[in-house]
């Protein structure tokens, strides 16, 4: 059974940084894209960042571009989200997601991902 487990969330002051981690277990995700999404209270889940495994191409939402960085770890099934210059509006539950089949892209829509983690809370105080 596939499991994605996020960690690294917490409370941080505006302007601070956090690093989220996601470890996938149950299958190999080499050649498959992985992404991060977030959902704030009362809002829909939104795309944050994604990365392909084949050429490590990355894509970011405009709202986080230049402040967030997605990367993969040495283990193929690990992905990170380095968040800096955090703002109160970044407060949300952050979810890790993974494709189940190869597309060669880094999808920005949630329906493109088949596996999801349970989420980790990020709270940015002003």
C-alpha atoms as a PDB file:
ATOM      1  CA  UNK A   1       0.000   0.000   0.000  1.00  0.00           C
ATOM      2  CA  UNK A   2       1.333   3.420  -0.974  1.00  0.00           C
ATOM      3  CA  UNK A   3       1.848   5.940   1.791  1.00  0.00           C
ATOM      4  CA  UNK A   4       3.082   9.499   1.667  1.00  0.00           C
ATOM      5  CA  UNK A   5       4.139  10.990   4.989  1.00  0.00           C
ATOM      6  CA  UNK A   6       4.808  14.689   5.416  1.00  0.00           C
ATOM      7  CA  UNK A   7       6.727  16.297   8.251  1.00  0.00           C
ATOM      8  CA  UNK A   8       8.309  19.605   9.153  1.00  0.00           C
ATOM      9  CA  UNK A   9       5.285  21.814   9.621  1.00  0.00           C
ATOM     10  CA  UNK A  10       4.903  24.121  12.580  1.00  0.00           C
ATOM     11  CA  UNK A  11       4.488  27.675  13.804  1.00  0.00           C
ATOM     12  CA  UNK A  12       6.818  30.358  12.496  1.00  0.00           C
ATOM     13  CA  UNK A  13       6.875  34.131  12.482  1.00  0.00           C
ATOM     14  CA  UNK A  14       6.417  36.086   9.294  1.00  0.00           C
ATOM     15  CA  UNK A  15       9.693  36.306   7.409  1.00  0.00           C
ATOM     16  CA  UNK A  16      10.872  32.981   8.773  1.00  0.00           C
ATOM     17  CA  UNK A  17      11.584  29.675   7.092  1.00  0.00           C
ATOM     18  CA  UNK A  18      10.457  26.063   7.279  1.00  0.00           C
ATOM     19  CA  UNK A  19      11.425  22.905   5.447  1.00  0.00           C
ATOM     20  CA  UNK A  20       8.802  20.286   4.718  1.00  0.00           C
ATOM     21  CA  UNK A  21       9.704  16.701   3.930  1.00  0.00           C
ATOM     22  CA  UNK A  22       7.699  13.969   2.250  1.00  0.00           C
ATOM     23  CA  UNK A  23       8.655  10.319   2.210  1.00  0.00           C
ATOM     24  CA  UNK A  24       6.805   7.898  -0.027  1.00  0.00           C
ATOM     25  CA  UNK A  25       6.622   4.200   0.723  1.00  0.00           C
ATOM     26  CA  UNK A  26       4.997   1.212  -0.912  1.00  0.00           C
ATOM     27  CA  UNK A  27       6.280   1.655  -4.444  1.00  0.00           C
ATOM     28  CA  UNK A  28       9.052   3.324  -6.402  1.00  0.00           C
ATOM     29  CA  UNK A  29       8.318   6.812  -7.653  1.00  0.00           C
ATOM     30  CA  UNK A  30      11.322   7.166  -9.919  1.00  0.00           C
ATOM     31  CA  UNK A  31      10.311   8.902 -13.160  1.00  0.00           C
ATOM     32  CA  UNK A  32       7.086  10.112 -11.560  1.00  0.00           C
ATOM     33  CA  UNK A  33       6.335  13.688 -10.593  1.00  0.00           C
ATOM     34  CA  UNK A  34       5.687  14.725  -7.026  1.00  0.00           C
ATOM     35  CA  UNK A  35       4.108  17.918  -5.852  1.00  0.00           C
ATOM     36  CA  UNK A  36       3.009  20.034  -2.946  1.00  0.00           C
ATOM     37  CA  UNK A  37      -0.426  21.533  -2.495  1.00  0.00           C
ATOM     38  CA  UNK A  38      -1.948  23.514   0.347  1.00  0.00           C
ATOM     39  CA  UNK A  39      -5.375  24.226   1.730  1.00  0.00           C
ATOM     40  CA  UNK A  40      -6.225  27.145   3.980  1.00  0.00           C
ATOM     41  CA  UNK A  41      -9.399  27.181   6.118  1.00  0.00           C
ATOM     42  CA  UNK A  42     -12.447  27.893   4.008  1.00  0.00           C
ATOM     43  CA  UNK A  43     -10.487  27.735   0.754  1.00  0.00           C
ATOM     44  CA  UNK A  44      -9.961  25.153  -1.940  1.00  0.00           C
ATOM     45  CA  UNK A  45      -6.793  23.138  -2.184  1.00  0.00           C
ATOM     46  CA  UNK A  46      -4.261  24.941  -4.367  1.00  0.00           C
ATOM     47  CA  UNK A  47      -1.093  24.021  -6.178  1.00  0.00           C
ATOM     48  CA  UNK A  48       2.215  25.100  -4.639  1.00  0.00           C
ATOM     49  CA  UNK A  49       5.085  23.366  -6.431  1.00  0.00           C
ATOM     50  CA  UNK A  50       5.963  20.233  -8.382  1.00  0.00           C
ATOM     51  CA  UNK A  51       9.054  18.412  -9.584  1.00  0.00           C
ATOM     52  CA  UNK A  52       9.688  15.722 -12.156  1.00  0.00           C
ATOM     53  CA  UNK A  53      12.138  12.948 -11.370  1.00  0.00           C
ATOM     54  CA  UNK A  54      13.578  12.465 -14.832  1.00  0.00           C
ATOM     55  CA  UNK A  55      15.106  15.882 -15.409  1.00  0.00           C
ATOM     56  CA  UNK A  56      14.210  17.502 -12.125  1.00  0.00           C
ATOM     57  CA  UNK A  57      12.217  20.198 -13.836  1.00  0.00           C
ATOM     58  CA  UNK A  58      10.274  22.316 -11.350  1.00  0.00           C
ATOM     59  CA  UNK A  59       7.235  24.552 -11.463  1.00  0.00           C
ATOM     60  CA  UNK A  60       5.828  26.921  -8.852  1.00  0.00           C
ATOM     61  CA  UNK A  61       2.665  28.822  -8.149  1.00  0.00           C
ATOM     62  CA  UNK A  62       3.091  32.545  -8.713  1.00  0.00           C
ATOM     63  CA  UNK A  63       2.333  33.202  -5.051  1.00  0.00           C
ATOM     64  CA  UNK A  64       5.395  31.267  -3.864  1.00  0.00           C
ATOM     65  CA  UNK A  65       7.794  31.642  -6.778  1.00  0.00           C
ATOM     66  CA  UNK A  66      11.089  33.030  -5.542  1.00  0.00           C
ATOM     67  CA  UNK A  67      10.334  32.123  -1.926  1.00  0.00           C
ATOM     68  CA  UNK A  68       9.833  28.356  -2.070  1.00  0.00           C
ATOM     69  CA  UNK A  69      12.090  25.672  -3.492  1.00  0.00           C
ATOM     70  CA  UNK A  70      11.136  22.068  -4.228  1.00  0.00           C
ATOM     71  CA  UNK A  71      13.806  19.411  -4.469  1.00  0.00           C
ATOM     72  CA  UNK A  72      14.250  15.699  -4.210  1.00  0.00           C
ATOM     73  CA  UNK A  73      16.420  13.898  -1.742  1.00  0.00           C
ATOM     74  CA  UNK A  74      19.095  11.321  -2.409  1.00  0.00           C
ATOM     75  CA  UNK A  75      16.441   8.670  -1.945  1.00  0.00           C
ATOM     76  CA  UNK A  76      14.176   8.608  -4.959  1.00  0.00           C
ATOM     77  CA  UNK A  77      11.037   8.603  -2.874  1.00  0.00           C
ATOM     78  CA  UNK A  78      11.804  11.762  -0.906  1.00  0.00           C
ATOM     79  CA  UNK A  79      10.829  15.307  -1.783  1.00  0.00           C
ATOM     80  CA  UNK A  80      11.356  18.532   0.124  1.00  0.00           C
ATOM     81  CA  UNK A  81       9.781  21.965   0.149  1.00  0.00           C
ATOM     82  CA  UNK A  82      12.019  24.732   1.451  1.00  0.00           C
ATOM     83  CA  UNK A  83       9.892  27.722   2.372  1.00  0.00           C
ATOM     84  CA  UNK A  84      11.396  31.119   3.132  1.00  0.00           C
ATOM     85  CA  UNK A  85      10.157  34.669   3.616  1.00  0.00           C
ATOM     86  CA  UNK A  86       6.939  33.182   4.911  1.00  0.00           C
ATOM     87  CA  UNK A  87       3.817  35.303   5.081  1.00  0.00           C
ATOM     88  CA  UNK A  88       0.659  34.924   7.162  1.00  0.00           C
ATOM     89  CA  UNK A  89      -1.216  34.065   3.973  1.00  0.00           C
ATOM     90  CA  UNK A  90       0.994  30.992   3.595  1.00  0.00           C
ATOM     91  CA  UNK A  91      -0.797  29.494   6.584  1.00  0.00           C
ATOM     92  CA  UNK A  92      -2.412  26.239   5.482  1.00  0.00           C
ATOM     93  CA  UNK A  93      -2.260  22.485   5.648  1.00  0.00           C
ATOM     94  CA  UNK A  94       0.390  21.386   3.176  1.00  0.00           C
ATOM     95  CA  UNK A  95      -0.037  18.118   1.296  1.00  0.00           C
ATOM     96  CA  UNK A  96       2.454  16.015  -0.597  1.00  0.00           C
ATOM     97  CA  UNK A  97       1.225  14.237  -3.725  1.00  0.00           C
ATOM     98  CA  UNK A  98       2.613  11.745  -6.236  1.00  0.00           C
ATOM     99  CA  UNK A  99       1.696  10.531  -9.692  1.00  0.00           C
ATOM    100  CA  UNK A 100       0.893   6.881 -10.285  1.00  0.00           C
ATOM    101  CA  UNK A 101       2.043   6.826 -13.897  1.00  0.00           C
ATOM    102  CA  UNK A 102       4.650   8.544 -15.992  1.00  0.00           C
ATOM    103  CA  UNK A 103       3.711  11.801 -17.729  1.00  0.00           C
ATOM    104  CA  UNK A 104       7.104  13.445 -18.059  1.00  0.00           C
ATOM    105  CA  UNK A 105       5.657  16.660 -16.707  1.00  0.00           C
ATOM    106  CA  UNK A 106       5.219  18.342 -13.341  1.00  0.00           C
ATOM    107  CA  UNK A 107       1.436  18.685 -13.132  1.00  0.00           C
ATOM    108  CA  UNK A 108      -0.133  21.660 -11.408  1.00  0.00           C
ATOM    109  CA  UNK A 109      -3.635  20.237 -10.989  1.00  0.00           C
ATOM    110  CA  UNK A 110      -4.639  18.029  -8.098  1.00  0.00           C
ATOM    111  CA  UNK A 111      -6.488  15.562 -10.318  1.00  0.00           C
ATOM    112  CA  UNK A 112      -3.176  14.606 -11.944  1.00  0.00           C
ATOM    113  CA  UNK A 113      -1.977  13.074  -8.686  1.00  0.00           C
ATOM    114  CA  UNK A 114      -3.188   9.770  -7.339  1.00  0.00           C
ATOM    115  CA  UNK A 115      -1.438   9.503  -3.997  1.00  0.00           C
ATOM    116  CA  UNK A 116      -1.699  11.992  -1.167  1.00  0.00           C
ATOM    117  CA  UNK A 117      -0.255  12.436   2.267  1.00  0.00           C
ATOM    118  CA  UNK A 118      -2.221  13.305   5.370  1.00  0.00           C
ATOM    119  CA  UNK A 119      -0.949  16.877   5.434  1.00  0.00           C
ATOM    120  CA  UNK A 120       1.163  18.946   7.792  1.00  0.00           C
ATOM    121  CA  UNK A 121       0.070  22.239   9.319  1.00  0.00           C
ATOM    122  CA  UNK A 122       2.059  25.393   8.623  1.00  0.00           C
ATOM    123  CA  UNK A 123       1.078  28.472  10.613  1.00  0.00           C
ATOM    124  CA  UNK A 124       2.715  31.830  10.009  1.00  0.00           C
ATOM    125  CA  UNK A 125       2.122  34.498  12.641  1.00  0.00           C
ATOM    126  CA  UNK A 126       2.241  38.191  11.865  1.00  0.00           C
END
